[in-house]
Amino acid sequence: MQGSIEWTGGSQVIAKNQTGHSLNLDWDDGPSPVQLVLLAVGTCSLADVITGLKERKVTNASIEMEGVRRDEVPRIFTSMHMIYNIEGDAPERLVKGLIEKSHEKYCTVSNMLLESIKITTELRLTPAKS
C-alpha cells in the first residue's frame, strides 16, 4: 500500500493513493486527519456489513458516529459509538452478527484501535420500502 500527501497551502493537503485517487483535506476546517480515522472505521465496517448482506435486498445503509477524545494531548479517541441504519430485507440477528464480526475480525481499521478504545454499536433496522 502506498500513498502521498501534498501540502497545497494553509492547512490544506491533497492525499493520494497509489492509483491516483485523491482526497482534499484541511486540518483546520475538516475533514481533519482525526475525523478521517473516525470515518474510516465507519466506512470499513459498513463495507463488511453490506458485503455480508449480498444475498439480501438492502435499499439504504448508513452509520451515525460519535467519537470521544481525551482532553489532554495526544487527543486520542477513548470511545466510539456507531448507530447502523439499515433499510432492507434482512434478519436482525444476521445484521447484528455482521456488525459484531466486523469489529471482532474483519474491519482492519477498528481492529487497529480496539486495544485503546471502546467501540459500541446499535442497530436501527427497517424493512425495505416497496
Protein backbone atom coordinates (compact mmCIF):
# COMPACT_ATOMS: atom_id res chain seq x y z
CA MET A 1 0.00 0.00 0.00
CA GLN A 2 1.33 3.41 -0.93
CA GLY A 3 0.19 6.99 -0.70
CA SER A 4 1.33 10.56 -0.79
CA ILE A 5 0.37 13.82 0.88
CA GLU A 6 0.92 17.16 -0.85
CA TRP A 7 0.59 20.41 1.06
CA THR A 8 -1.36 22.96 -1.01
CA GLY A 9 -1.10 25.93 1.35
CA GLY A 10 -2.53 26.99 4.67
CA SER A 11 -3.91 23.93 6.42
CA GLN A 12 -4.84 22.09 3.23
CA VAL A 13 -3.36 18.98 1.68
CA ILE A 14 -4.22 16.54 -1.09
CA ALA A 15 -3.93 12.89 -0.09
CA LYS A 16 -3.45 10.42 -2.95
CA ASN A 17 -3.37 6.66 -3.07
CA GLN A 18 -1.23 4.56 -5.43
CA THR A 19 -3.93 4.57 -8.14
CA GLY A 20 -4.18 8.36 -8.18
CA HIS A 21 -7.49 8.75 -6.33
CA SER A 22 -7.36 11.76 -4.06
CA LEU A 23 -9.00 13.47 -1.10
CA ASN A 24 -8.79 17.16 -0.27
CA LEU A 25 -8.16 17.55 3.44
CA ASP A 26 -7.98 20.55 5.74
CA TRP A 27 -6.65 20.00 9.24
CA ASP A 28 -8.34 23.19 10.49
CA ASP A 29 -11.71 23.15 8.74
CA GLY A 30 -12.01 19.41 8.14
CA PRO A 31 -12.14 16.75 7.30
CA SER A 32 -9.16 16.55 9.62
CA PRO A 33 -6.89 13.52 9.97
CA VAL A 34 -8.63 12.57 13.22
CA GLN A 35 -12.07 12.88 11.63
CA LEU A 36 -10.84 10.63 8.84
CA VAL A 37 -9.92 7.94 11.38
CA LEU A 38 -13.49 8.04 12.71
CA LEU A 39 -14.92 7.96 9.19
CA ALA A 40 -12.54 5.18 8.14
CA VAL A 41 -13.83 2.96 10.96
CA GLY A 42 -17.39 3.55 9.76
CA THR A 43 -16.60 3.02 6.09
CA CYS A 44 -14.66 -0.16 6.78
CA SER A 45 -17.41 -1.62 8.95
CA LEU A 46 -20.26 -0.63 6.63
CA ALA A 47 -18.41 -2.31 3.77
CA ASP A 48 -18.27 -5.51 5.85
CA VAL A 49 -22.00 -5.35 6.60
CA ILE A 50 -23.06 -4.61 3.02
CA THR A 51 -20.76 -7.32 1.66
CA GLY A 52 -22.20 -9.78 4.18
CA LEU A 53 -25.74 -8.89 3.10
CA LYS A 54 -25.00 -9.54 -0.59
CA GLU A 55 -27.88 -12.03 -0.89
CA ARG A 56 -30.35 -9.64 0.76
CA LYS A 57 -32.18 -6.65 -0.63
CA VAL A 58 -30.69 -3.53 1.00
CA THR A 59 -32.15 -0.22 -0.14
CA ASN A 60 -30.31 2.15 2.19
CA ALA A 61 -27.47 1.93 4.69
CA SER A 62 -25.67 4.48 6.82
CA ILE A 63 -23.84 4.85 10.12
CA GLU A 64 -24.12 7.76 12.53
CA MET A 65 -20.91 8.02 14.55
CA GLU A 66 -19.65 9.82 17.61
CA GLY A 67 -16.07 9.67 18.78
CA VAL A 68 -14.95 10.80 22.22
CA ARG A 69 -11.37 12.03 22.62
CA ARG A 70 -9.14 12.72 25.59
CA ASP A 71 -8.83 16.33 26.70
CA GLU A 72 -5.06 16.17 27.01
CA VAL A 73 -2.52 15.80 24.22
CA PRO A 74 -2.32 13.48 22.41
CA ARG A 75 -6.10 13.77 21.98
CA ILE A 76 -6.64 10.14 21.04
CA PHE A 77 -10.05 8.53 20.85
CA THR A 78 -11.24 6.89 24.05
CA SER A 79 -14.51 5.57 22.61
CA MET A 80 -16.68 5.45 19.53
CA HIS A 81 -20.41 4.85 19.29
CA MET A 82 -21.87 3.72 15.98
CA ILE A 83 -25.55 3.63 15.06
CA TYR A 84 -26.13 1.45 11.99
CA ASN A 85 -29.21 2.42 9.96
CA ILE A 86 -30.07 -0.40 7.59
CA GLU A 87 -33.14 -0.44 5.38
CA GLY A 88 -33.78 -3.74 3.73
CA ASP A 89 -34.96 -7.29 3.94
CA ALA A 90 -32.51 -8.89 6.35
CA PRO A 91 -32.99 -10.64 9.67
CA GLU A 92 -31.92 -8.57 12.66
CA ARG A 93 -29.83 -11.43 14.01
CA LEU A 94 -27.86 -11.62 10.76
CA VAL A 95 -27.17 -7.88 10.64
CA LYS A 96 -26.12 -7.77 14.31
CA GLY A 97 -23.83 -10.73 13.70
CA LEU A 98 -22.22 -8.99 10.73
CA ILE A 99 -21.65 -5.85 12.81
CA GLU A 100 -20.04 -7.87 15.61
CA LYS A 101 -17.84 -9.84 13.19
CA SER A 102 -16.78 -6.61 11.52
CA HIS A 103 -15.31 -5.25 14.74
CA GLU A 104 -14.04 -8.61 16.03
CA LYS A 105 -12.32 -9.79 12.88
CA TYR A 106 -12.80 -8.13 9.50
CA CYS A 107 -12.57 -4.33 9.84
CA THR A 108 -8.85 -3.63 9.83
CA VAL A 109 -9.31 -0.03 10.92
CA SER A 110 -11.39 -0.72 14.03
CA ASN A 111 -9.18 -3.69 14.94
CA MET A 112 -6.14 -1.39 14.98
CA LEU A 113 -7.92 0.70 17.64
CA LEU A 114 -9.62 -1.97 19.77
CA GLU A 115 -6.86 -2.21 22.36
CA SER A 116 -7.04 1.51 23.12
CA ILE A 117 -10.73 2.43 22.69
CA LYS A 118 -14.18 1.04 23.35
CA ILE A 119 -16.44 0.72 20.34
CA THR A 120 -20.17 0.37 20.97
CA THR A 121 -22.85 -0.22 18.37
CA GLU A 122 -26.59 -0.21 17.93
CA LEU A 123 -28.80 -1.16 15.02
CA ARG A 124 -31.86 0.52 13.56
CA LEU A 125 -33.26 -1.96 11.05
CA THR A 126 -36.28 -1.06 8.94
CA PRO A 127 -37.95 -3.09 6.19
CA ALA A 128 -37.25 -2.19 2.58
CA LYS A 129 -39.70 0.28 1.10
CA SER A 130 -41.73 -1.10 -1.76
